[in-house]
N, C-alpha and C. Protein backbone atom coordinates (compact mmCIF):
# COMPACT_ATOMS: atom_id res chain seq x y z
N MET A 1 -4.24 36.18 -6.98
CA MET A 1 -3.12 36.22 -6.42
C MET A 1 -3.23 37.58 -5.27
N ALA A 2 -2.96 37.57 -4.14
CA ALA A 2 -3.09 38.54 -3.51
C ALA A 2 -2.07 39.38 -3.39
N GLU A 3 -2.04 40.67 -3.75
CA GLU A 3 -1.13 41.45 -3.64
C GLU A 3 -1.39 42.56 -2.90
N GLU A 4 -0.45 43.45 -2.30
CA GLU A 4 -0.47 44.66 -1.16
C GLU A 4 0.54 45.70 -1.49
N THR A 5 0.31 46.91 -1.26
CA THR A 5 0.99 47.87 -1.32
C THR A 5 1.93 48.28 -0.13
N GLY A 6 3.35 48.48 -0.63
CA GLY A 6 3.77 48.58 0.35
C GLY A 6 3.96 49.80 0.86
N ALA A 7 4.91 50.04 1.99
CA ALA A 7 4.81 51.54 2.47
C ALA A 7 5.26 52.57 1.18
N ALA A 8 6.59 52.20 0.44
CA ALA A 8 6.85 52.78 -0.61
C ALA A 8 6.23 52.98 -1.94
N GLY A 9 5.08 52.32 -2.03
CA GLY A 9 4.05 52.35 -3.10
C GLY A 9 4.42 51.47 -3.91
N THR A 10 5.09 50.34 -3.67
CA THR A 10 5.48 48.95 -4.59
C THR A 10 4.50 47.85 -4.30
N GLN A 11 4.44 47.19 -4.75
CA GLN A 11 3.61 46.04 -4.72
C GLN A 11 4.22 44.81 -4.25
N GLU A 12 3.74 44.21 -3.43
CA GLU A 12 4.41 43.07 -2.45
C GLU A 12 3.47 41.99 -2.92
N THR A 13 4.00 40.73 -2.92
CA THR A 13 3.05 39.52 -3.02
C THR A 13 3.12 39.07 -1.99
N GLN A 14 1.72 38.80 -1.49
CA GLN A 14 1.72 38.44 -0.08
C GLN A 14 1.77 36.82 -0.31
N GLN A 15 2.34 35.93 0.70
CA GLN A 15 2.68 33.98 0.47
C GLN A 15 1.36 33.91 1.21
N ILE A 16 0.67 33.06 0.84
CA ILE A 16 -0.53 32.26 1.08
C ILE A 16 -0.36 30.62 0.69
N PHE A 17 -0.53 30.02 1.74
CA PHE A 17 -0.33 28.25 1.49
C PHE A 17 -1.45 28.23 2.96
N ARG A 18 -2.56 27.82 2.43
CA ARG A 18 -3.79 27.27 2.84
C ARG A 18 -4.20 25.80 2.59
N VAL A 19 -4.61 25.00 3.72
CA VAL A 19 -5.51 24.01 3.22
C VAL A 19 -7.14 24.31 3.21
N GLN A 20 -7.59 23.93 1.60
CA GLN A 20 -8.93 24.12 1.52
C GLN A 20 -9.66 22.89 1.56
N LYS A 21 -9.40 21.79 1.29
CA LYS A 21 -10.14 20.54 1.91
C LYS A 21 -9.05 19.36 1.79
N VAL A 22 -9.75 18.43 2.95
CA VAL A 22 -8.87 17.08 2.69
C VAL A 22 -9.90 15.92 2.80
N TYR A 23 -9.58 14.94 1.81
CA TYR A 23 -10.15 14.04 1.34
C TYR A 23 -9.71 12.89 1.14
N ILE A 24 -10.63 11.45 1.18
CA ILE A 24 -9.78 10.40 0.95
C ILE A 24 -10.49 10.04 -0.74
N LYS A 25 -9.61 10.09 -1.50
CA LYS A 25 -9.81 10.03 -2.96
C LYS A 25 -10.09 8.29 -3.63
N ASP A 26 -9.02 7.36 -3.15
CA ASP A 26 -9.64 6.30 -3.27
C ASP A 26 -9.19 5.19 -2.10
N VAL A 27 -9.84 4.35 -1.74
CA VAL A 27 -9.47 3.20 -0.60
C VAL A 27 -9.76 2.13 -1.00
N SER A 28 -8.79 0.90 -0.41
CA SER A 28 -8.95 -0.40 -0.72
C SER A 28 -8.35 -1.17 0.81
N PHE A 29 -9.34 -2.28 0.64
CA PHE A 29 -8.48 -3.26 1.58
C PHE A 29 -9.05 -4.85 1.45
N GLU A 30 -7.88 -5.32 1.05
CA GLU A 30 -8.06 -6.64 1.16
C GLU A 30 -7.50 -7.83 2.11
N THR A 31 -8.25 -8.60 2.42
CA THR A 31 -7.78 -9.78 3.32
C THR A 31 -7.68 -11.51 2.57
N PRO A 32 -7.02 -11.70 1.73
CA PRO A 32 -7.16 -12.86 0.77
C PRO A 32 -7.11 -13.98 1.69
N ARG A 33 -6.66 -14.06 3.02
CA ARG A 33 -6.68 -15.41 3.96
C ARG A 33 -7.21 -14.68 5.10
N SER A 34 -8.47 -14.24 5.63
CA SER A 34 -8.92 -13.83 6.71
C SER A 34 -9.40 -14.98 7.44
N THR A 35 -9.97 -15.92 6.83
CA THR A 35 -10.36 -16.96 7.70
C THR A 35 -9.16 -17.77 8.44
N GLU A 36 -8.09 -18.39 7.24
CA GLU A 36 -6.91 -18.75 7.66
C GLU A 36 -6.49 -18.06 8.86
N ILE A 37 -6.07 -16.93 8.69
CA ILE A 37 -5.63 -15.98 9.55
C ILE A 37 -6.10 -15.86 11.02
N PHE A 38 -7.40 -15.67 10.99
CA PHE A 38 -8.44 -15.74 12.07
C PHE A 38 -8.42 -16.94 12.73
N THR A 39 -8.17 -18.26 12.26
CA THR A 39 -8.35 -19.41 12.84
C THR A 39 -7.20 -20.33 13.08
N GLU A 40 -6.11 -19.59 12.46
CA GLU A 40 -4.68 -20.20 12.79
C GLU A 40 -4.00 -19.48 14.42
N GLN A 41 -3.62 -20.17 14.89
CA GLN A 41 -2.82 -19.92 16.54
C GLN A 41 -1.27 -19.31 16.40
N ALA A 42 -1.22 -18.74 14.84
CA ALA A 42 -0.17 -18.28 14.66
C ALA A 42 0.44 -17.00 15.47
N GLN A 43 1.49 -16.78 15.81
CA GLN A 43 1.56 -15.26 16.98
C GLN A 43 1.49 -14.29 15.95
N TRP A 44 0.96 -12.86 16.35
CA TRP A 44 1.09 -11.91 15.69
C TRP A 44 2.46 -11.17 15.37
N ALA A 45 3.07 -11.69 14.44
CA ALA A 45 4.33 -10.89 14.42
C ALA A 45 4.63 -10.64 12.72
N PRO A 46 3.79 -9.59 12.26
CA PRO A 46 3.84 -9.38 11.00
C PRO A 46 5.25 -8.91 10.15
N GLU A 47 5.21 -8.99 8.82
CA GLU A 47 6.28 -8.05 8.32
C GLU A 47 5.60 -7.08 7.63
N VAL A 48 5.99 -5.57 7.58
CA VAL A 48 4.78 -4.69 7.14
C VAL A 48 5.71 -4.04 6.06
N LYS A 49 5.51 -3.80 4.82
CA LYS A 49 5.97 -3.42 3.71
C LYS A 49 5.37 -2.08 3.42
N VAL A 50 5.89 -0.81 3.20
CA VAL A 50 5.04 0.49 2.88
C VAL A 50 5.63 0.53 1.76
N GLN A 51 4.74 1.33 0.77
CA GLN A 51 4.95 2.05 -0.44
C GLN A 51 4.56 3.06 -0.27
N LEU A 52 5.21 4.52 -0.75
CA LEU A 52 4.52 6.05 -0.78
C LEU A 52 4.92 6.43 -2.06
N ASN A 53 3.72 7.27 -2.37
CA ASN A 53 3.87 8.03 -3.92
C ASN A 53 2.97 9.41 -3.80
N THR A 54 3.78 10.28 -4.20
CA THR A 54 2.66 11.76 -4.29
C THR A 54 2.80 12.02 -5.65
N GLU A 55 1.71 12.73 -5.94
CA GLU A 55 1.31 13.02 -7.22
C GLU A 55 0.60 14.78 -6.69
N ASN A 56 0.98 15.46 -7.45
CA ASN A 56 0.35 17.17 -7.67
C ASN A 56 -0.35 17.26 -8.86
N LYS A 57 -1.60 17.99 -8.83
CA LYS A 57 -1.96 18.71 -10.16
C LYS A 57 -2.54 20.37 -9.89
N ASN A 58 -2.18 20.85 -10.88
CA ASN A 58 -2.39 22.34 -10.53
C ASN A 58 -3.81 22.65 -11.25
N ILE A 59 -4.81 22.51 -10.32
CA ILE A 59 -6.32 22.61 -10.49
C ILE A 59 -6.60 23.86 -11.58
N ARG A 60 -5.99 24.96 -10.80
CA ARG A 60 -6.43 26.41 -11.55
C ARG A 60 -5.67 27.23 -10.72
N ASP A 61 -5.20 28.24 -11.40
CA ASP A 61 -4.50 29.81 -10.73
C ASP A 61 -3.51 29.15 -9.94
N ASP A 62 -4.15 29.16 -8.52
CA ASP A 62 -3.29 28.98 -7.18
C ASP A 62 -3.62 27.71 -6.59
N LEU A 63 -4.61 27.33 -6.77
CA LEU A 63 -5.35 26.01 -6.18
C LEU A 63 -4.61 24.62 -6.91
N PHE A 64 -4.12 23.82 -5.53
CA PHE A 64 -3.52 22.76 -6.21
C PHE A 64 -3.89 21.18 -5.52
N GLU A 65 -4.07 20.52 -6.28
CA GLU A 65 -4.27 18.95 -5.63
C GLU A 65 -3.00 18.45 -5.33
N CYS A 66 -2.82 17.81 -4.04
CA CYS A 66 -1.92 17.11 -3.58
C CYS A 66 -2.25 15.43 -3.49
N THR A 67 -2.19 14.65 -3.77
CA THR A 67 -2.36 13.17 -3.74
C THR A 67 -1.38 12.16 -3.22
N LEU A 68 -1.73 11.89 -1.67
CA LEU A 68 -0.66 10.92 -1.11
C LEU A 68 -0.86 9.79 -1.18
N MET A 69 -0.87 8.76 -1.69
CA MET A 69 -0.52 7.34 -2.31
C MET A 69 0.21 6.48 -1.33
N LEU A 70 -0.48 5.58 -0.64
CA LEU A 70 0.11 4.73 0.17
C LEU A 70 -0.24 3.26 0.38
N THR A 71 0.46 2.49 0.06
CA THR A 71 0.03 0.88 0.08
C THR A 71 0.90 0.28 1.29
N VAL A 72 0.11 -0.48 1.99
CA VAL A 72 0.84 -1.17 2.95
C VAL A 72 0.17 -2.55 2.90
N THR A 73 1.46 -3.33 2.73
CA THR A 73 1.30 -4.93 2.69
C THR A 73 1.65 -5.43 4.30
N VAL A 74 0.82 -6.07 4.65
CA VAL A 74 1.20 -7.22 5.69
C VAL A 74 1.13 -8.36 5.41
N GLU A 75 2.31 -8.69 6.09
CA GLU A 75 2.32 -10.37 5.67
C GLU A 75 2.57 -11.30 7.31
N LEU A 76 1.93 -12.36 7.39
CA LEU A 76 2.15 -13.46 8.63
C LEU A 76 2.58 -14.36 7.94
N GLU A 77 4.14 -14.78 8.61
CA GLU A 77 4.91 -15.99 8.36
C GLU A 77 4.94 -16.25 6.51
N GLU A 78 5.08 -14.83 5.96
CA GLU A 78 5.64 -15.00 4.71
C GLU A 78 4.40 -15.21 3.75
N LYS A 79 2.83 -15.09 4.36
CA LYS A 79 1.85 -15.06 3.29
C LYS A 79 0.87 -13.60 3.81
N PRO A 80 0.25 -13.54 2.82
CA PRO A 80 -0.16 -12.20 3.21
C PRO A 80 -1.48 -12.07 4.06
N ALA A 81 -1.26 -11.44 4.86
CA ALA A 81 -2.59 -11.11 5.81
C ALA A 81 -3.54 -10.08 5.36
N TYR A 82 -3.21 -9.07 4.98
CA TYR A 82 -4.05 -7.73 4.44
C TYR A 82 -3.15 -7.05 3.42
N LEU A 83 -3.89 -6.05 2.86
CA LEU A 83 -3.42 -5.12 1.72
C LEU A 83 -4.17 -3.86 1.77
N ALA A 84 -3.71 -2.72 2.20
CA ALA A 84 -4.56 -1.31 2.39
C ALA A 84 -3.91 -0.51 1.72
N GLU A 85 -4.56 -0.09 0.50
CA GLU A 85 -4.45 1.27 -0.54
C GLU A 85 -5.13 2.54 -0.33
N VAL A 86 -4.59 3.40 0.27
CA VAL A 86 -5.10 4.57 0.10
C VAL A 86 -4.73 5.79 -0.56
N GLN A 87 -5.58 6.62 -1.06
CA GLN A 87 -5.31 7.79 -1.88
C GLN A 87 -5.87 8.80 -0.99
N GLN A 88 -5.01 9.50 -0.24
CA GLN A 88 -5.66 10.50 0.59
C GLN A 88 -5.35 12.10 -0.31
N SER A 89 -6.07 12.86 -0.47
CA SER A 89 -6.01 14.39 -1.21
C SER A 89 -6.35 15.24 -0.63
N GLY A 90 -5.77 16.38 -0.66
CA GLY A 90 -6.17 17.67 -0.29
C GLY A 90 -5.80 18.76 -1.54
N LEU A 91 -6.95 19.70 -1.26
CA LEU A 91 -6.63 20.89 -1.97
C LEU A 91 -6.08 22.26 -1.41
N PHE A 92 -5.18 22.79 -1.96
CA PHE A 92 -4.33 23.94 -1.42
C PHE A 92 -4.26 25.07 -1.78
N THR A 93 -4.51 26.18 -1.25
CA THR A 93 -4.17 27.58 -2.03
C THR A 93 -2.56 27.66 -2.08
N ILE A 94 -1.90 27.79 -2.92
CA ILE A 94 -0.38 28.10 -2.72
C ILE A 94 -0.29 29.56 -3.57
N ALA A 95 -0.07 30.87 -3.06
CA ALA A 95 0.15 31.91 -3.82
C ALA A 95 1.29 32.73 -3.23
N GLY A 96 2.01 33.49 -3.85
CA GLY A 96 2.88 34.45 -3.67
C GLY A 96 4.45 33.74 -3.53
N PHE A 97 4.56 32.58 -3.99
CA PHE A 97 5.69 31.56 -4.03
C PHE A 97 6.88 31.61 -5.17
N SER A 98 8.02 31.60 -5.26
CA SER A 98 8.81 31.47 -6.48
C SER A 98 8.46 29.99 -7.05
N ASP A 99 8.47 29.50 -8.04
CA ASP A 99 8.56 28.08 -8.19
C ASP A 99 9.10 27.13 -7.62
N GLU A 100 10.62 27.62 -7.22
CA GLU A 100 10.97 26.40 -5.92
C GLU A 100 10.80 26.14 -4.85
N GLU A 101 10.14 27.47 -4.41
CA GLU A 101 9.39 27.09 -3.06
C GLU A 101 7.85 26.63 -2.94
N LYS A 102 7.37 26.98 -4.32
CA LYS A 102 5.95 25.94 -4.50
C LYS A 102 6.42 24.82 -4.52
N ALA A 103 7.39 24.19 -5.52
CA ALA A 103 7.68 22.71 -5.60
C ALA A 103 7.80 22.34 -4.37
N HIS A 104 8.30 22.61 -3.62
CA HIS A 104 9.14 22.26 -2.09
C HIS A 104 7.58 22.42 -1.18
N LEU A 105 6.78 23.31 -1.39
CA LEU A 105 5.43 23.07 -0.66
C LEU A 105 4.99 21.61 -1.01
N LEU A 106 4.74 21.48 -2.29
CA LEU A 106 3.93 20.51 -3.07
C LEU A 106 4.63 19.31 -2.83
N GLY A 107 5.97 19.12 -2.63
CA GLY A 107 6.54 17.71 -2.48
C GLY A 107 7.06 17.38 -1.25
N SER A 108 6.93 18.53 -0.38
CA SER A 108 7.44 18.28 0.95
C SER A 108 5.96 18.57 2.32
N TYR A 109 5.80 19.69 2.02
CA TYR A 109 4.89 20.20 3.40
C TYR A 109 3.43 19.60 3.03
N ALA A 110 2.79 19.64 1.68
CA ALA A 110 1.58 19.13 1.67
C ALA A 110 1.47 17.88 2.06
N PRO A 111 2.44 16.92 1.60
CA PRO A 111 2.32 15.74 1.92
C PRO A 111 2.41 15.55 3.74
N SER A 112 3.30 16.19 4.31
CA SER A 112 3.35 16.11 5.66
C SER A 112 1.75 16.63 5.99
N VAL A 113 1.18 17.62 5.67
CA VAL A 113 -0.26 17.76 5.94
C VAL A 113 -0.93 16.62 6.06
N LEU A 114 -0.88 15.81 4.90
CA LEU A 114 -1.86 14.68 4.75
C LEU A 114 -1.76 13.21 5.23
N PHE A 115 -0.33 13.62 5.72
CA PHE A 115 0.12 12.01 6.15
C PHE A 115 -0.77 11.60 7.41
N PRO A 116 -0.81 12.62 8.50
CA PRO A 116 -1.74 12.24 9.50
C PRO A 116 -3.27 11.40 9.31
N PHE A 117 -3.86 12.28 8.07
CA PHE A 117 -4.90 11.47 7.93
C PHE A 117 -5.18 10.39 7.29
N VAL A 118 -3.90 9.90 6.22
CA VAL A 118 -3.86 8.71 5.50
C VAL A 118 -3.31 7.56 7.19
N ARG A 119 -2.71 7.84 7.90
CA ARG A 119 -2.25 6.99 8.71
C ARG A 119 -3.24 6.31 9.75
N GLU A 120 -4.23 7.76 9.91
CA GLU A 120 -5.43 7.38 10.67
C GLU A 120 -6.82 6.22 9.91
N VAL A 121 -6.50 6.61 8.33
CA VAL A 121 -7.63 5.65 7.47
C VAL A 121 -6.90 4.18 7.75
N VAL A 122 -5.59 4.00 7.53
CA VAL A 122 -4.89 2.74 7.74
C VAL A 122 -5.18 2.14 8.97
N SER A 123 -5.16 2.71 9.90
CA SER A 123 -5.10 2.08 11.23
C SER A 123 -6.33 1.60 11.29
N ASP A 124 -7.53 2.62 11.27
CA ASP A 124 -8.95 2.27 11.31
C ASP A 124 -9.35 0.68 10.36
N LEU A 125 -8.58 0.77 9.10
CA LEU A 125 -9.02 -0.41 8.30
C LEU A 125 -8.69 -1.61 8.77
N ALA A 126 -7.38 -1.31 9.25
CA ALA A 126 -6.81 -2.75 9.89
C ALA A 126 -7.74 -3.13 11.17
N VAL A 127 -7.99 -2.21 11.70
CA VAL A 127 -8.98 -2.57 13.20
C VAL A 127 -10.38 -3.15 12.75
N LYS A 128 -10.95 -2.63 11.58
CA LYS A 128 -12.31 -3.01 11.28
C LYS A 128 -11.98 -4.17 10.24
N GLY A 129 -10.79 -4.76 9.92
CA GLY A 129 -10.65 -5.77 9.27
C GLY A 129 -10.51 -6.80 9.83
N GLY A 130 -10.35 -6.49 11.50
CA GLY A 130 -10.13 -7.80 12.55
C GLY A 130 -9.00 -7.79 12.72
N PHE A 131 -7.99 -6.80 12.69
CA PHE A 131 -6.82 -6.93 12.86
C PHE A 131 -6.10 -6.03 14.22
N PRO A 132 -4.70 -6.19 14.63
CA PRO A 132 -4.47 -4.97 15.58
C PRO A 132 -4.14 -3.76 14.76
N GLN A 133 -4.26 -2.60 15.47
CA GLN A 133 -3.99 -1.50 15.46
C GLN A 133 -2.67 -1.21 14.55
N MET A 134 -2.48 -0.86 13.38
CA MET A 134 -1.41 -0.43 12.47
C MET A 134 -1.19 0.98 12.73
N LEU A 135 -0.03 1.12 13.42
CA LEU A 135 0.56 2.45 13.60
C LEU A 135 1.92 2.59 12.59
N LEU A 136 1.83 3.29 11.90
CA LEU A 136 2.73 4.09 10.64
C LEU A 136 3.87 4.94 11.27
N ASP A 137 5.15 4.58 11.18
CA ASP A 137 6.00 5.20 11.58
C ASP A 137 5.96 6.99 10.84
N PRO A 138 6.33 7.74 11.76
CA PRO A 138 6.47 8.96 11.10
C PRO A 138 7.34 9.15 10.05
N ILE A 139 7.10 9.79 8.81
CA ILE A 139 8.00 9.78 7.62
C ILE A 139 8.18 11.46 7.22
N ASN A 140 9.61 11.58 7.13
CA ASN A 140 10.69 12.71 7.14
C ASN A 140 10.34 12.99 5.51
N PHE A 141 9.12 13.79 4.92
CA PHE A 141 8.88 14.37 3.88
C PHE A 141 10.11 15.13 3.17
N ASP A 142 10.64 16.12 4.39
CA ASP A 142 11.75 16.93 3.83
C ASP A 142 13.01 16.08 3.15
N ALA A 143 13.16 15.04 3.94
CA ALA A 143 14.39 14.05 3.31
C ALA A 143 14.10 13.46 2.12
N LEU A 144 12.83 13.16 1.84
CA LEU A 144 12.50 12.33 0.66
C LEU A 144 12.28 13.03 -0.12
N TYR A 145 12.20 14.70 -0.14
CA TYR A 145 12.05 15.55 -1.27
C TYR A 145 13.52 15.83 -1.52
N SER A 146 14.15 16.07 -0.83
CA SER A 146 15.74 16.42 -0.69
C SER A 146 16.37 15.26 -1.40
N GLN A 147 16.08 14.23 -0.99
CA GLN A 147 16.34 13.14 -2.00
C GLN A 147 16.28 12.87 -3.47
N HIS A 148 15.11 13.00 -3.90
CA HIS A 148 14.14 13.07 -4.85
C HIS A 148 15.04 14.26 -5.81
N LEU A 149 15.47 15.37 -5.25
CA LEU A 149 15.89 16.38 -5.84
C LEU A 149 17.43 15.78 -6.37
N ASN A 150 17.81 15.54 -5.49
CA ASN A 150 19.20 15.26 -5.59
C ASN A 150 19.53 14.01 -6.97
N SER A 151 18.54 13.15 -6.64
CA SER A 151 18.56 11.79 -7.77
C SER A 151 18.28 12.71 -9.39
N ASN A 152 17.28 13.48 -9.09
CA ASN A 152 17.26 14.29 -10.55
C ASN A 152 18.34 14.82 -10.85
N LYS A 153 18.81 15.47 -9.97
CA LYS A 153 20.12 16.28 -10.50
C LYS A 153 21.43 15.35 -11.15
N GLN A 154 21.43 14.36 -10.49
CA GLN A 154 22.43 13.05 -10.76
C GLN A 154 21.72 12.48 -12.12
N GLN A 155 20.60 12.27 -12.22
CA GLN A 155 20.11 11.52 -13.31
C GLN A 155 19.81 12.50 -14.62
N ASN A 156 19.51 13.90 -14.30
CA ASN A 156 18.92 14.87 -14.98
C ASN A 156 17.82 14.37 -15.88
N ALA A 157 16.73 13.60 -15.00
CA ALA A 157 16.05 12.91 -15.99
C ALA A 157 14.53 13.23 -15.09
N PRO A 158 13.42 13.14 -15.86
CA PRO A 158 11.93 13.54 -15.46
C PRO A 158 11.90 12.73 -14.08
N ALA A 159 11.19 13.35 -13.19
CA ALA A 159 10.76 13.00 -11.70
C ALA A 159 10.47 11.62 -11.78
N PRO A 160 11.10 10.41 -10.89
CA PRO A 160 10.44 9.46 -10.50
C PRO A 160 8.92 9.49 -9.45
N GLU A 161 8.40 8.64 -9.20
CA GLU A 161 7.38 8.34 -7.93
C GLU A 161 8.63 8.77 -6.64
N THR A 162 8.05 9.15 -5.74
CA THR A 162 8.93 9.08 -4.37
C THR A 162 8.15 7.89 -3.89
N GLN A 163 9.42 7.31 -3.25
CA GLN A 163 8.84 5.68 -2.40
C GLN A 163 9.63 5.70 -1.25
N GLN A 164 9.04 5.17 -0.25
CA GLN A 164 9.75 4.57 0.75
C GLN A 164 10.00 3.68 1.13
């Protein structure tokens, strides 16, 4: 942990939040009915379902891994068109914060950093799979994190996975 000596000779803890690495941990793309979809003359008006989860792990000292797990299910006329699953991870150095601040950084800020990367992967997978570009709507991770905290206070139970 980084520490600095202040003017009065007291030690002050320096706050550090640094992105060390961003990487794809796991990816899957399935098109169970691709031949039918590409040969039918149905209008492309899909129903899109998005499931979102996060997972955090302390690697060592002030190094944390945050993983954003996203599943996008696209149906056309109530039949599956494709399924994209991506686990986008990042290594973050987080030092000098209280436990509450650290939990907020891992529960809200780190997923916000990872989301543009996972959004790009999903879009690329859709296009490479022969489908129109998939643009996921922005996600308010602060609101999801607050909702998670409020539900934990009400239930007074272990934290469930965050879902949208």
